[in-house]
C-alpha atoms as a PDB file:
ATOM      1  CA  UNK A   1      26.117 -34.391   0.812  1.00  0.00           C
ATOM      2  CA  UNK A   2      23.144 -35.744  -1.099  1.00  0.00           C
ATOM      3  CA  UNK A   3      19.713 -34.206  -1.534  1.00  0.00           C
ATOM      4  CA  UNK A   4      16.723 -35.923   0.067  1.00  0.00           C
ATOM      5  CA  UNK A   5      13.039 -35.366   0.636  1.00  0.00           C
ATOM      6  CA  UNK A   6      10.994 -36.731   3.527  1.00  0.00           C
ATOM      7  CA  UNK A   7       7.201 -36.771   3.528  1.00  0.00           C
ATOM      8  CA  UNK A   8       5.411 -37.742   6.710  1.00  0.00           C
ATOM      9  CA  UNK A   9       1.808 -37.867   7.880  1.00  0.00           C
ATOM     10  CA  UNK A  10       1.094 -36.746  11.432  1.00  0.00           C
ATOM     11  CA  UNK A  11      -1.851 -38.052  13.443  1.00  0.00           C
ATOM     12  CA  UNK A  12      -4.709 -35.548  12.862  1.00  0.00           C
ATOM     13  CA  UNK A  13      -6.073 -36.000  16.396  1.00  0.00           C
ATOM     14  CA  UNK A  14      -3.077 -34.150  17.866  1.00  0.00           C
ATOM     15  CA  UNK A  15      -3.326 -30.517  18.950  1.00  0.00           C
ATOM     16  CA  UNK A  16      -1.754 -27.911  16.633  1.00  0.00           C
ATOM     17  CA  UNK A  17       1.070 -27.248  19.097  1.00  0.00           C
ATOM     18  CA  UNK A  18       1.940 -30.970  19.190  1.00  0.00           C
ATOM     19  CA  UNK A  19       1.904 -31.144  15.359  1.00  0.00           C
ATOM     20  CA  UNK A  20       4.296 -28.190  15.170  1.00  0.00           C
ATOM     21  CA  UNK A  21       6.505 -29.773  17.843  1.00  0.00           C
ATOM     22  CA  UNK A  22       6.681 -32.963  15.756  1.00  0.00           C
ATOM     23  CA  UNK A  23       7.739 -30.975  12.668  1.00  0.00           C
ATOM     24  CA  UNK A  24      10.370 -29.139  14.729  1.00  0.00           C
ATOM     25  CA  UNK A  25      11.654 -32.447  16.127  1.00  0.00           C
ATOM     26  CA  UNK A  26      12.154 -33.808  12.590  1.00  0.00           C
ATOM     27  CA  UNK A  27      13.896 -30.571  11.547  1.00  0.00           C
ATOM     28  CA  UNK A  28      16.202 -30.869  14.585  1.00  0.00           C
ATOM     29  CA  UNK A  29      17.105 -34.473  13.693  1.00  0.00           C
ATOM     30  CA  UNK A  30      18.012 -33.345  10.171  1.00  0.00           C
ATOM     31  CA  UNK A  31      19.899 -30.236  11.340  1.00  0.00           C
ATOM     32  CA  UNK A  32      22.137 -32.341  13.599  1.00  0.00           C
ATOM     33  CA  UNK A  33      23.905 -33.901  10.580  1.00  0.00           C
ATOM     34  CA  UNK A  34      22.592 -32.005   7.542  1.00  0.00           C
ATOM     35  CA  UNK A  35      20.785 -28.876   6.481  1.00  0.00           C
ATOM     36  CA  UNK A  36      17.084 -28.247   5.909  1.00  0.00           C
ATOM     37  CA  UNK A  37      16.469 -26.413   2.633  1.00  0.00           C
ATOM     38  CA  UNK A  38      12.662 -26.249   2.411  1.00  0.00           C
ATOM     39  CA  UNK A  39       9.696 -27.089   4.653  1.00  0.00           C
ATOM     40  CA  UNK A  40       6.324 -27.438   2.923  1.00  0.00           C
ATOM     41  CA  UNK A  41       3.323 -27.964   5.209  1.00  0.00           C
ATOM     42  CA  UNK A  42       0.367 -29.284   3.233  1.00  0.00           C
ATOM     43  CA  UNK A  43      -1.939 -29.455   6.252  1.00  0.00           C
ATOM     44  CA  UNK A  44      -4.960 -31.729   6.573  1.00  0.00           C
ATOM     45  CA  UNK A  45      -5.608 -34.002   3.593  1.00  0.00           C
ATOM     46  CA  UNK A  46      -7.872 -36.977   3.005  1.00  0.00           C
ATOM     47  CA  UNK A  47      -6.016 -40.287   2.973  1.00  0.00           C
ATOM     48  CA  UNK A  48      -6.360 -42.709   0.048  1.00  0.00           C
ATOM     49  CA  UNK A  49      -7.184 -45.468   2.534  1.00  0.00           C
ATOM     50  CA  UNK A  50      -7.741 -45.538   6.311  1.00  0.00           C
ATOM     51  CA  UNK A  51      -4.596 -45.682   8.460  1.00  0.00           C
ATOM     52  CA  UNK A  52      -5.085 -46.541  12.142  1.00  0.00           C
ATOM     53  CA  UNK A  53      -8.873 -46.050  11.596  1.00  0.00           C
ATOM     54  CA  UNK A  54      -8.315 -42.436  10.472  1.00  0.00           C
ATOM     55  CA  UNK A  55      -9.402 -41.002   7.130  1.00  0.00           C
ATOM     56  CA  UNK A  56      -7.360 -37.776   7.286  1.00  0.00           C
ATOM     57  CA  UNK A  57      -3.771 -36.870   8.052  1.00  0.00           C
ATOM     58  CA  UNK A  58      -1.563 -33.802   8.496  1.00  0.00           C
ATOM     59  CA  UNK A  59       1.007 -33.841   5.683  1.00  0.00           C
ATOM     60  CA  UNK A  60       4.481 -32.276   5.832  1.00  0.00           C
ATOM     61  CA  UNK A  61       7.276 -32.392   3.217  1.00  0.00           C
ATOM     62  CA  UNK A  62      10.862 -31.419   4.081  1.00  0.00           C
ATOM     63  CA  UNK A  63      13.691 -31.143   1.557  1.00  0.00           C
ATOM     64  CA  UNK A  64      17.201 -31.466   2.982  1.00  0.00           C
ATOM     65  CA  UNK A  65      20.830 -32.212   2.210  1.00  0.00           C
ATOM     66  CA  UNK A  66      22.714 -34.717   4.357  1.00  0.00           C
ATOM     67  CA  UNK A  67      25.223 -37.534   4.466  1.00  0.00           C
ATOM     68  CA  UNK A  68      24.094 -41.032   3.520  1.00  0.00           C
ATOM     69  CA  UNK A  69      23.780 -42.106   7.172  1.00  0.00           C
ATOM     70  CA  UNK A  70      21.161 -39.526   8.209  1.00  0.00           C
ATOM     71  CA  UNK A  71      18.191 -41.023   6.287  1.00  0.00           C
ATOM     72  CA  UNK A  72      18.701 -44.342   8.086  1.00  0.00           C
ATOM     73  CA  UNK A  73      18.615 -42.634  11.494  1.00  0.00           C
ATOM     74  CA  UNK A  74      15.657 -40.442  10.484  1.00  0.00           C
ATOM     75  CA  UNK A  75      13.763 -43.523   9.261  1.00  0.00           C
ATOM     76  CA  UNK A  76      14.430 -45.321  12.545  1.00  0.00           C
ATOM     77  CA  UNK A  77      13.218 -42.397  14.656  1.00  0.00           C
ATOM     78  CA  UNK A  78      10.097 -41.736  12.557  1.00  0.00           C
ATOM     79  CA  UNK A  79       9.222 -45.433  12.658  1.00  0.00           C
ATOM     80  CA  UNK A  80       9.108 -45.489  16.483  1.00  0.00           C
ATOM     81  CA  UNK A  81       7.296 -42.143  16.804  1.00  0.00           C
ATOM     82  CA  UNK A  82       3.670 -42.466  17.918  1.00  0.00           C
ATOM     83  CA  UNK A  83       2.779 -39.110  16.338  1.00  0.00           C
ATOM     84  CA  UNK A  84       3.811 -40.063  12.780  1.00  0.00           C
ATOM     85  CA  UNK A  85       1.424 -42.447  10.996  1.00  0.00           C
ATOM     86  CA  UNK A  86       3.441 -42.926   7.767  1.00  0.00           C
ATOM     87  CA  UNK A  87       6.641 -41.574   6.227  1.00  0.00           C
ATOM     88  CA  UNK A  88       8.820 -41.959   3.169  1.00  0.00           C
ATOM     89  CA  UNK A  89      12.362 -40.715   2.505  1.00  0.00           C
ATOM     90  CA  UNK A  90      13.419 -40.235  -1.122  1.00  0.00           C
ATOM     91  CA  UNK A  91      16.834 -39.462  -2.566  1.00  0.00           C
ATOM     92  CA  UNK A  92      16.393 -36.631  -5.076  1.00  0.00           C
ATOM     93  CA  UNK A  93      19.801 -37.345  -6.634  1.00  0.00           C
ATOM     94  CA  UNK A  94      18.834 -40.873  -7.762  1.00  0.00           C
ATOM     95  CA  UNK A  95      18.014 -41.258 -11.434  1.00  0.00           C
END
């Protein structure tokens, strides 16, 4: 198992319950084939540049350990999600 970190920005126009449901959905995807070690919710932050005509986003960072196949599946599912504006998955083991 390798260590990874995923940061994603949720659409700020969503209700708080929907934002929390999105975070839980990502945690469930990770838990299916790995283990979540830390969830860090940054909350609303100003974006460096407008994304989808929005100047703010709801930031969440999740650290997890998983096999090498999970980040590919997580990337695919975050890419097609309408609630997530941007995301990035980083391997923390890479040097």
